[in-house]
């Protein structure tokens, strides 16, 4: 890992946020500024913050809530430049290990060890490992996810087709064609096409991996023009264009989630965290009509990804103890129960703690999806993501600092292909050149 490379990548992003970090509140109180991603589960946390302030009357919390791409850019720029705007930030397993190595994050292990009953051993092992550096946790998971397939059982019955219990991608494509009904306003499948390394590349990389593709061989030679990479790209782009939602190139997770939850897609391949919306009667019109199966496969036995939205404390924060009190509240077992009892068990942040799956109310509410969700998270292996060996780790991303920029550039090419603006060949030819420039820097290091 190279701090200079990371700082260089950050410099390509948006300039820093306005603000001044933790401020003195009224009297002796401390005001924390927390940067989060505007996903449904985070909105619940914002709504419940009065629960935290009731327990900690000396701490006030201000949230900066932004769409995913904007949040990534602002948080990365702030942390990389030591901007000090935030006392806690929502990051992922992509950033945590790298930023811990650079000294940009507070080591949370001493705080964890000193917090009675917090029980970090209860976190899903694959997630806990991916948020640790040299054995210590540097961020704690708010929710964890793999990917799986949601499908409309009623529409499948109407079309006379059956979803396999462990589908292949070829089977998914055939089924999407069968249930595609543009006249009724229902697409066969919803797939992300929105540019962004955390948008279209998350599902695409899982397709790439199970098709046996890779970004680099063991000598850091770029492989984006390989037959396997090309096959995966042609498949993904073709499926999105032929049986995906209208305007797929502009659809990210949020758009697909809304489309599926409002009955406008018959199949949805994406994050297992979707269930907090798809099974919420207040947000979804398809509650109780859904089936869930593991991520599709091709040449591997595993087709999902591993991702977590987690919370870390920047090294620049002047209120680390207060920030930890908030982080531990938001990621504790009690918070899970608070969400379940307040909003319904389908709304709890899924996949971060093993004990959540053992709560009787959650087990009942999650009966249709908890099995494939948990298996997808447990079976994920970021060290061995595809068929052939690779010099990087990561499933939905490459755990190298340059991937924020490289992934964004490649995602723009794939998104343009989904939009029909360029061909897949054109997209991959340009993407190969981007990848070669990054690979060459690693070749130099290894000489």
Protein backbone atom coordinates (compact mmCIF):
# COMPACT_ATOMS: atom_id res chain seq x y z
CA UNK A 1 0.00 0.00 0.00
CA UNK A 2 1.29 3.45 -0.87
CA UNK A 3 0.16 6.62 0.94
CA UNK A 4 1.37 8.84 -1.89
CA UNK A 5 -0.72 6.90 -4.38
CA UNK A 6 -3.75 7.24 -2.16
CA UNK A 7 -3.23 10.94 -1.69
CA UNK A 8 -2.80 11.34 -5.43
CA UNK A 9 -6.06 9.51 -6.04
CA UNK A 10 -7.80 11.70 -3.48
CA UNK A 11 -6.54 14.80 -5.21
CA UNK A 12 -8.47 13.76 -8.30
CA UNK A 13 -11.69 13.81 -6.32
CA UNK A 14 -13.86 16.68 -5.19
CA UNK A 15 -12.36 19.39 -3.01
CA UNK A 16 -12.99 19.25 0.73
CA UNK A 17 -16.22 19.93 2.55
CA UNK A 18 -17.16 23.07 4.36
CA UNK A 19 -17.34 22.82 8.12
CA UNK A 20 -15.19 22.81 11.21
CA UNK A 21 -15.47 19.36 12.72
CA UNK A 22 -16.70 18.93 16.28
CA UNK A 23 -17.92 22.18 17.74
CA UNK A 24 -18.74 23.25 21.20
CA UNK A 25 -22.49 22.96 21.71
CA UNK A 26 -24.61 24.63 24.33
CA UNK A 27 -23.06 24.68 27.79
CA UNK A 28 -20.58 21.83 28.25
CA UNK A 29 -21.91 19.70 25.40
CA UNK A 30 -19.88 18.47 22.44
CA UNK A 31 -21.22 18.52 18.90
CA UNK A 32 -20.12 15.66 16.65
CA UNK A 33 -20.23 15.85 12.85
CA UNK A 34 -20.88 12.42 11.34
CA UNK A 35 -20.64 11.80 7.56
CA UNK A 36 -22.91 9.00 6.34
CA UNK A 37 -24.27 7.59 3.11
CA UNK A 38 -27.92 8.32 2.38
CA UNK A 39 -29.17 4.72 2.38
CA UNK A 40 -32.43 3.65 4.07
CA UNK A 41 -30.80 2.09 7.14
CA UNK A 42 -28.80 5.27 7.76
CA UNK A 43 -31.98 7.32 7.61
CA UNK A 44 -33.33 5.20 10.45
CA UNK A 45 -30.20 5.94 12.47
CA UNK A 46 -30.73 9.65 11.95
CA UNK A 47 -34.34 9.33 13.09
CA UNK A 48 -33.26 7.44 16.21
CA UNK A 49 -30.47 9.76 17.29
CA UNK A 50 -32.65 11.11 20.10
CA UNK A 51 -32.22 7.68 21.72
CA UNK A 52 -28.48 8.27 21.77
CA UNK A 53 -28.66 11.84 23.04
CA UNK A 54 -31.02 10.73 25.81
CA UNK A 55 -28.30 8.31 26.98
CA UNK A 56 -25.52 10.90 26.41
CA UNK A 57 -26.97 14.35 27.12
CA UNK A 58 -23.55 15.98 26.80
CA UNK A 59 -23.17 14.96 23.15
CA UNK A 60 -25.02 16.46 20.19
CA UNK A 61 -24.91 14.85 16.73
CA UNK A 62 -25.04 16.51 13.32
CA UNK A 63 -25.28 14.20 10.30
CA UNK A 64 -23.92 15.03 6.87
CA UNK A 65 -25.92 12.64 4.67
CA UNK A 66 -24.95 12.36 0.99
CA UNK A 67 -25.59 10.02 -1.98
CA UNK A 68 -23.02 7.25 -2.25
CA UNK A 69 -20.75 8.68 -4.94
CA UNK A 70 -20.72 12.14 -3.34
CA UNK A 71 -20.13 10.73 0.12
CA UNK A 72 -17.16 8.67 -1.04
CA UNK A 73 -15.54 11.66 -2.70
CA UNK A 74 -16.05 14.11 0.17
CA UNK A 75 -15.02 11.67 2.89
CA UNK A 76 -11.93 10.50 1.02
CA UNK A 77 -10.78 14.03 0.29
CA UNK A 78 -11.34 15.12 3.89
CA UNK A 79 -9.47 12.17 5.40
CA UNK A 80 -6.60 12.18 2.90
CA UNK A 81 -5.95 15.90 3.35
CA UNK A 82 -6.45 15.92 7.12
CA UNK A 83 -9.33 18.32 6.71
CA UNK A 84 -10.81 17.60 10.13
CA UNK A 85 -14.42 18.23 9.09
CA UNK A 86 -15.74 14.99 10.55
CA UNK A 87 -15.57 13.21 13.89
CA UNK A 88 -16.82 9.93 12.45
CA UNK A 89 -17.20 8.74 8.88
CA UNK A 90 -19.05 5.98 7.10
CA UNK A 91 -16.54 4.01 5.05
CA UNK A 92 -16.25 0.41 3.91
CA UNK A 93 -13.97 -2.58 3.83
CA UNK A 94 -12.32 -0.99 0.79
CA UNK A 95 -10.98 2.02 2.69
CA UNK A 96 -10.47 0.63 6.20
CA UNK A 97 -7.30 -1.44 5.82
CA UNK A 98 -5.60 1.12 3.58
CA UNK A 99 -6.45 4.11 5.73
CA UNK A 100 -5.41 2.25 8.88
CA UNK A 101 -2.00 1.60 7.34
CA UNK A 102 -1.62 5.27 6.45
CA UNK A 103 -2.48 6.35 10.00
CA UNK A 104 -5.62 8.18 8.90
CA UNK A 105 -7.94 6.30 11.28
CA UNK A 106 -8.12 5.84 15.04
CA UNK A 107 -7.39 2.30 16.20
CA UNK A 108 -10.76 1.26 17.64
CA UNK A 109 -9.53 -1.89 19.39
CA UNK A 110 -8.68 -0.17 22.70
CA UNK A 111 -12.15 1.43 22.69
CA UNK A 112 -13.78 -1.90 21.86
CA UNK A 113 -11.88 -3.73 24.60
CA UNK A 114 -12.85 -1.10 27.16
CA UNK A 115 -16.57 -1.18 26.29
CA UNK A 116 -18.37 -3.74 28.43
CA UNK A 117 -20.76 -5.97 26.51
CA UNK A 118 -19.88 -4.63 23.05
CA UNK A 119 -18.88 -8.13 21.87
CA UNK A 120 -16.86 -7.57 18.69
CA UNK A 121 -16.48 -11.36 18.42
CA UNK A 122 -20.16 -11.39 17.47
CA UNK A 123 -19.47 -9.63 14.17
CA UNK A 124 -19.56 -11.86 11.09
CA UNK A 125 -15.99 -13.26 10.88
CA UNK A 126 -15.43 -12.38 7.22
CA UNK A 127 -16.49 -8.79 7.88
CA UNK A 128 -14.54 -8.42 11.11
CA UNK A 129 -11.38 -9.60 9.32
CA UNK A 130 -11.93 -7.21 6.42
CA UNK A 131 -12.17 -4.25 8.84
CA UNK A 132 -9.01 -5.15 10.73
CA UNK A 133 -5.37 -4.15 10.32
CA UNK A 134 -2.69 -6.16 12.14
CA UNK A 135 -5.41 -7.80 14.22
CA UNK A 136 -7.09 -4.59 15.40
CA UNK A 137 -10.39 -3.20 14.13
CA UNK A 138 -10.21 0.29 12.64
CA UNK A 139 -13.88 0.58 11.74
CA UNK A 140 -16.97 -1.24 13.00
CA UNK A 141 -19.76 -2.54 10.74
CA UNK A 142 -23.15 -0.88 10.64
CA UNK A 143 -24.40 -3.49 8.23
CA UNK A 144 -22.84 -6.24 6.17
CA UNK A 145 -23.82 -7.58 2.82
CA UNK A 146 -23.19 -10.03 0.07
CA UNK A 147 -25.34 -10.15 -3.05
CA UNK A 148 -28.24 -12.32 -4.11
CA UNK A 149 -31.23 -12.49 -6.42
CA UNK A 150 -34.70 -11.29 -5.52
CA UNK A 151 -37.52 -12.32 -7.81
CA UNK A 152 -41.28 -11.96 -8.01
CA UNK A 153 -42.81 -15.35 -7.31
CA UNK A 154 -46.23 -14.23 -8.55
CA UNK A 155 -44.85 -13.08 -11.92
CA UNK A 156 -42.86 -16.28 -12.28
CA UNK A 157 -46.01 -18.31 -11.61
CA UNK A 158 -47.91 -16.25 -14.17
CA UNK A 159 -45.19 -16.86 -16.78
CA UNK A 160 -45.00 -20.56 -15.91
CA UNK A 161 -41.29 -20.49 -15.07
CA UNK A 162 -39.35 -21.57 -11.99
CA UNK A 163 -36.31 -20.01 -10.32
CA UNK A 164 -33.59 -22.60 -9.57
CA UNK A 165 -32.48 -22.81 -5.96
CA UNK A 166 -28.88 -22.11 -7.11
CA UNK A 167 -29.10 -20.36 -10.49
CA UNK A 168 -26.42 -19.83 -13.10
CA UNK A 169 -26.13 -16.54 -14.94
CA UNK A 170 -27.29 -18.21 -18.16
CA UNK A 171 -30.45 -19.32 -16.36
CA UNK A 172 -31.02 -15.82 -15.00
CA UNK A 173 -30.71 -14.35 -18.50
CA UNK A 174 -33.20 -16.87 -19.88
CA UNK A 175 -35.66 -16.19 -17.06
CA UNK A 176 -35.32 -12.42 -17.47
CA UNK A 177 -36.34 -12.85 -21.10
CA UNK A 178 -39.40 -14.91 -20.09
CA UNK A 179 -40.72 -12.43 -17.52
CA UNK A 180 -39.78 -9.24 -19.37
CA UNK A 181 -43.04 -7.35 -19.96
CA UNK A 182 -42.40 -3.80 -21.25
CA UNK A 183 -46.09 -3.27 -22.07
CA UNK A 184 -46.95 -3.76 -18.41
CA UNK A 185 -44.04 -1.55 -17.35
CA UNK A 186 -42.12 -4.47 -15.82
CA UNK A 187 -38.51 -5.14 -16.86
CA UNK A 188 -37.17 -8.66 -16.78
CA UNK A 189 -34.33 -7.66 -14.48
CA UNK A 190 -32.91 -4.57 -12.81
CA UNK A 191 -29.12 -4.19 -12.96
CA UNK A 192 -27.00 -1.21 -11.98
CA UNK A 193 -25.60 0.71 -14.93
CA UNK A 194 -24.70 3.97 -13.20
CA UNK A 195 -21.05 4.99 -13.46
CA UNK A 196 -19.09 4.78 -10.21
CA UNK A 197 -16.69 2.23 -8.80
CA UNK A 198 -19.18 1.58 -6.01
CA UNK A 199 -22.13 1.47 -8.41
CA UNK A 200 -22.04 -0.55 -11.64
CA UNK A 201 -18.70 -2.17 -10.81
CA UNK A 202 -20.01 -3.83 -7.64
CA UNK A 203 -22.40 -6.20 -9.46
CA UNK A 204 -20.26 -6.31 -12.59
CA UNK A 205 -17.16 -7.46 -10.70
CA UNK A 206 -19.11 -10.33 -9.16
CA UNK A 207 -20.14 -11.39 -12.67
CA UNK A 208 -16.56 -10.98 -13.87
CA UNK A 209 -15.18 -13.14 -11.07
CA UNK A 210 -17.56 -16.04 -11.58
CA UNK A 211 -16.93 -15.90 -15.35
CA UNK A 212 -13.26 -16.45 -14.54
CA UNK A 213 -12.14 -12.94 -15.42
CA UNK A 214 -9.63 -10.82 -13.56
CA UNK A 215 -8.26 -7.30 -13.72
CA UNK A 216 -4.59 -8.34 -13.55
CA UNK A 217 -2.53 -11.50 -13.76
CA UNK A 218 0.07 -12.23 -11.08
CA UNK A 219 2.66 -10.03 -12.82
CA UNK A 220 0.28 -7.03 -12.91
CA UNK A 221 -0.41 -7.34 -16.60
CA UNK A 222 -3.83 -5.80 -17.27
CA UNK A 223 -6.42 -8.37 -18.40
CA UNK A 224 -9.35 -6.19 -19.45
CA UNK A 225 -8.91 -7.29 -23.06
CA UNK A 226 -8.86 -10.99 -22.15
CA UNK A 227 -11.56 -13.36 -23.47
CA UNK A 228 -12.95 -13.88 -19.95
CA UNK A 229 -13.25 -10.17 -19.20
CA UNK A 230 -14.81 -9.54 -22.60
CA UNK A 231 -17.32 -12.37 -22.16
CA UNK A 232 -18.39 -11.02 -18.77
CA UNK A 233 -18.74 -7.46 -20.09
CA UNK A 234 -20.72 -8.53 -23.17
CA UNK A 235 -23.00 -10.62 -20.98
CA UNK A 236 -23.64 -7.90 -18.41
CA UNK A 237 -24.13 -5.10 -20.92
CA UNK A 238 -26.27 -7.30 -23.14
CA UNK A 239 -28.53 -8.41 -20.31
CA UNK A 240 -28.99 -4.83 -19.07
CA UNK A 241 -29.78 -3.56 -22.57
CA UNK A 242 -32.05 -6.41 -23.69
CA UNK A 243 -34.06 -7.15 -20.56
CA UNK A 244 -33.07 -4.48 -18.06
CA UNK A 245 -34.95 -1.39 -16.95
CA UNK A 246 -35.35 1.69 -19.18
CA UNK A 247 -32.44 4.08 -18.74
CA UNK A 248 -30.31 1.41 -17.08
CA UNK A 249 -27.16 3.49 -17.54
CA UNK A 250 -28.56 5.96 -15.01
CA UNK A 251 -29.63 3.35 -12.44
CA UNK A 252 -27.67 2.86 -9.26
CA UNK A 253 -28.60 0.79 -6.24
CA UNK A 254 -31.21 3.27 -5.06
CA UNK A 255 -33.01 3.45 -8.40
CA UNK A 256 -33.10 -0.32 -8.87
CA UNK A 257 -34.26 -0.78 -5.30
CA UNK A 258 -37.12 1.62 -5.88
CA UNK A 259 -38.07 0.06 -9.21
CA UNK A 260 -38.17 -3.45 -7.82
CA UNK A 261 -39.95 -2.45 -4.62
CA UNK A 262 -42.62 -0.65 -6.67
CA UNK A 263 -43.26 -3.67 -8.87
CA UNK A 264 -41.44 -2.48 -11.98
CA UNK A 265 -38.90 -5.31 -12.27
CA UNK A 266 -39.35 -9.07 -12.02
CA UNK A 267 -35.76 -9.86 -10.97
CA UNK A 268 -33.29 -7.79 -8.99
CA UNK A 269 -29.65 -8.81 -8.55
CA UNK A 270 -27.91 -6.68 -5.95
CA UNK A 271 -26.98 -6.24 -2.30
CA UNK A 272 -28.58 -8.47 0.32
CA UNK A 273 -29.27 -5.22 2.22
CA UNK A 274 -32.15 -4.65 -0.20
CA UNK A 275 -34.48 -6.59 2.10
CA UNK A 276 -34.78 -3.69 4.53
CA UNK A 277 -36.81 -2.02 1.78
CA UNK A 278 -38.24 -4.84 -0.34
CA UNK A 279 -39.90 -6.39 2.72
CA UNK A 280 -40.93 -3.12 4.38
CA UNK A 281 -44.70 -2.50 3.99
CA UNK A 282 -44.13 1.24 4.26
CA UNK A 283 -41.68 1.30 1.35
CA UNK A 284 -42.56 -1.65 -0.86
CA UNK A 285 -45.60 -2.82 -2.81
CA UNK A 286 -44.22 -6.36 -3.25
CA UNK A 287 -43.91 -7.49 0.37
CA UNK A 288 -44.54 -11.22 0.65
CA UNK A 289 -44.33 -11.74 -3.12
CA UNK A 290 -40.57 -12.22 -3.25
CA UNK A 291 -38.27 -15.19 -3.42
CA UNK A 292 -34.53 -15.01 -2.75
CA UNK A 293 -31.73 -17.23 -4.05
CA UNK A 294 -27.91 -17.06 -3.90
CA UNK A 295 -25.88 -14.98 -6.33
CA UNK A 296 -25.71 -16.66 -9.76
CA UNK A 297 -22.56 -18.47 -10.85
CA UNK A 298 -20.79 -19.42 -14.07
CA UNK A 299 -17.31 -20.97 -13.74
CA UNK A 300 -16.99 -20.72 -9.96
CA UNK A 301 -19.02 -22.11 -7.07
CA UNK A 302 -19.46 -18.64 -5.55
CA UNK A 303 -20.94 -15.62 -7.28
CA UNK A 304 -21.51 -12.98 -4.61
CA UNK A 305 -19.51 -10.17 -3.07
CA UNK A 306 -18.53 -8.97 0.40
CA UNK A 307 -19.16 -5.41 1.44
CA UNK A 308 -19.90 -3.51 4.60
CA UNK A 309 -20.77 0.05 5.43
CA UNK A 310 -18.83 0.69 8.60
CA UNK A 311 -17.97 3.58 10.88
CA UNK A 312 -14.52 4.85 11.68
CA UNK A 313 -13.01 7.81 13.54
CA UNK A 314 -10.57 10.05 11.65
CA UNK A 315 -7.21 10.49 13.35
CA UNK A 316 -7.82 14.25 13.18
CA UNK A 317 -10.92 14.18 15.40
CA UNK A 318 -10.48 16.02 18.69
CA UNK A 319 -13.39 14.14 20.27
CA UNK A 320 -12.49 10.49 19.77
CA UNK A 321 -14.00 9.26 23.04
CA UNK A 322 -17.33 10.95 22.34
CA UNK A 323 -17.26 9.70 18.74
CA UNK A 324 -16.68 6.16 19.97
CA UNK A 325 -19.70 6.41 22.24
CA UNK A 326 -21.79 7.17 19.18
CA UNK A 327 -20.19 4.46 17.03
CA UNK A 328 -20.64 1.83 19.71
CA UNK A 329 -24.29 2.84 20.14
CA UNK A 330 -24.98 2.60 16.40
CA UNK A 331 -23.30 -0.81 15.98
CA UNK A 332 -24.26 -2.51 19.25
CA UNK A 333 -26.68 -5.41 19.69
CA UNK A 334 -29.12 -3.11 21.48
CA UNK A 335 -29.38 -0.88 18.41
CA UNK A 336 -30.53 -3.86 16.35
CA UNK A 337 -33.34 -4.47 18.82
CA UNK A 338 -34.24 -0.79 18.93
CA UNK A 339 -34.72 -0.68 15.14
CA UNK A 340 -36.66 -3.94 15.14
CA UNK A 341 -39.01 -2.84 17.90
CA UNK A 342 -39.44 0.68 16.48
CA UNK A 343 -39.70 0.13 12.74
CA UNK A 344 -40.14 -3.61 12.27
CA UNK A 345 -37.64 -6.45 12.11
CA UNK A 346 -37.33 -6.29 8.34
CA UNK A 347 -35.69 -2.85 8.77
CA UNK A 348 -32.79 -3.86 11.05
CA UNK A 349 -29.28 -3.36 9.62
CA UNK A 350 -28.60 -6.86 8.31
CA UNK A 351 -25.53 -9.02 8.14
CA UNK A 352 -23.17 -7.37 10.63
CA UNK A 353 -23.75 -9.51 13.76
CA UNK A 354 -24.18 -13.27 14.03
CA UNK A 355 -26.55 -12.87 16.96
CA UNK A 356 -29.06 -10.98 14.81
CA UNK A 357 -29.89 -14.19 12.96
CA UNK A 358 -30.74 -15.85 16.29
CA UNK A 359 -33.32 -13.25 17.40
CA UNK A 360 -36.69 -15.06 17.10
CA UNK A 361 -38.55 -12.02 15.75
CA UNK A 362 -35.87 -11.41 13.13
CA UNK A 363 -35.68 -15.09 12.19
CA UNK A 364 -39.42 -15.07 11.55
CA UNK A 365 -39.38 -11.83 9.56
CA UNK A 366 -36.29 -12.87 7.58
CA UNK A 367 -37.27 -16.48 6.92
CA UNK A 368 -37.32 -16.07 3.13
CA UNK A 369 -33.91 -14.42 2.81
CA UNK A 370 -31.73 -14.90 5.89
CA UNK A 371 -30.31 -18.22 4.64
CA UNK A 372 -28.85 -17.02 1.32
CA UNK A 373 -27.84 -13.72 2.92
CA UNK A 374 -25.83 -15.34 5.70
CA UNK A 375 -24.27 -17.95 3.42
CA UNK A 376 -23.22 -15.27 0.93
CA UNK A 377 -21.42 -13.31 3.63
CA UNK A 378 -19.83 -16.36 5.27
CA UNK A 379 -18.61 -17.91 2.01
CA UNK A 380 -17.02 -14.73 0.62
CA UNK A 381 -13.25 -14.99 0.19
CA UNK A 382 -11.62 -11.67 -0.80
CA UNK A 383 -8.23 -13.41 -0.93
CA UNK A 384 -9.36 -15.73 -3.75
CA UNK A 385 -12.01 -13.90 -5.78
CA UNK A 386 -11.87 -15.65 -9.16
CA UNK A 387 -10.64 -18.75 -11.00
CA UNK A 388 -6.97 -17.88 -11.54
CA UNK A 389 -4.58 -16.27 -9.03
CA UNK A 390 -4.50 -12.48 -8.77
CA UNK A 391 -2.07 -10.05 -7.09
CA UNK A 392 -4.85 -8.09 -5.37
CA UNK A 393 -7.61 -8.84 -2.87
CA UNK A 394 -11.27 -7.90 -3.00
CA UNK A 395 -14.42 -9.17 -4.70
CA UNK A 396 -16.55 -6.17 -5.64
CA UNK A 397 -13.43 -4.00 -5.80
CA UNK A 398 -9.63 -4.20 -5.94
CA UNK A 399 -8.11 -3.30 -2.58
CA UNK A 400 -5.52 -0.94 -4.05
CA UNK A 401 -5.56 2.85 -3.57
CA UNK A 402 -5.70 3.52 -7.30
CA UNK A 403 -9.00 1.70 -7.69
CA UNK A 404 -11.12 4.70 -6.77
CA UNK A 405 -9.89 6.47 -9.89
CA UNK A 406 -9.31 3.41 -12.08
CA UNK A 407 -12.64 1.86 -11.16
CA UNK A 408 -14.48 5.11 -11.79
CA UNK A 409 -12.90 5.46 -15.24
CA UNK A 410 -13.69 1.87 -16.22
CA UNK A 411 -17.22 2.18 -14.84
CA UNK A 412 -17.78 5.21 -17.06
CA UNK A 413 -16.86 3.12 -20.08
CA UNK A 414 -19.17 0.27 -19.08
CA UNK A 415 -21.99 2.69 -18.34
CA UNK A 416 -21.57 4.24 -21.78
CA UNK A 417 -21.79 0.76 -23.30
CA UNK A 418 -25.00 0.08 -21.34
CA UNK A 419 -26.36 3.36 -22.71
CA UNK A 420 -25.46 2.28 -26.26
CA UNK A 421 -23.12 5.22 -26.73
CA UNK A 422 -20.11 2.98 -27.42
CA UNK A 423 -19.56 -0.71 -28.08
CA UNK A 424 -18.26 -3.15 -25.49
CA UNK A 425 -15.07 -3.47 -27.55
CA UNK A 426 -14.55 0.28 -27.45
CA UNK A 427 -15.24 0.35 -23.71
CA UNK A 428 -12.73 -2.39 -22.99
CA UNK A 429 -10.05 -1.03 -25.32
CA UNK A 430 -10.05 2.27 -23.43
CA UNK A 431 -10.37 0.53 -20.04
CA UNK A 432 -7.39 -1.68 -20.83
CA UNK A 433 -5.23 1.40 -21.33
CA UNK A 434 -6.35 2.81 -17.99
CA UNK A 435 -5.55 -0.47 -16.26
CA UNK A 436 -2.16 -0.80 -17.94
CA UNK A 437 -1.00 2.53 -16.56
CA UNK A 438 -1.82 1.38 -13.02
CA UNK A 439 -0.33 -2.07 -13.54
CA UNK A 440 2.92 -0.56 -14.79
CA UNK A 441 3.47 1.24 -11.48
CA UNK A 442 3.25 -2.07 -9.61
CA UNK A 443 5.61 -3.74 -12.09
CA UNK A 444 8.15 -1.03 -11.34
CA UNK A 445 7.82 -1.64 -7.61
CA UNK A 446 8.35 -5.36 -8.03
CA UNK A 447 11.55 -5.08 -10.09
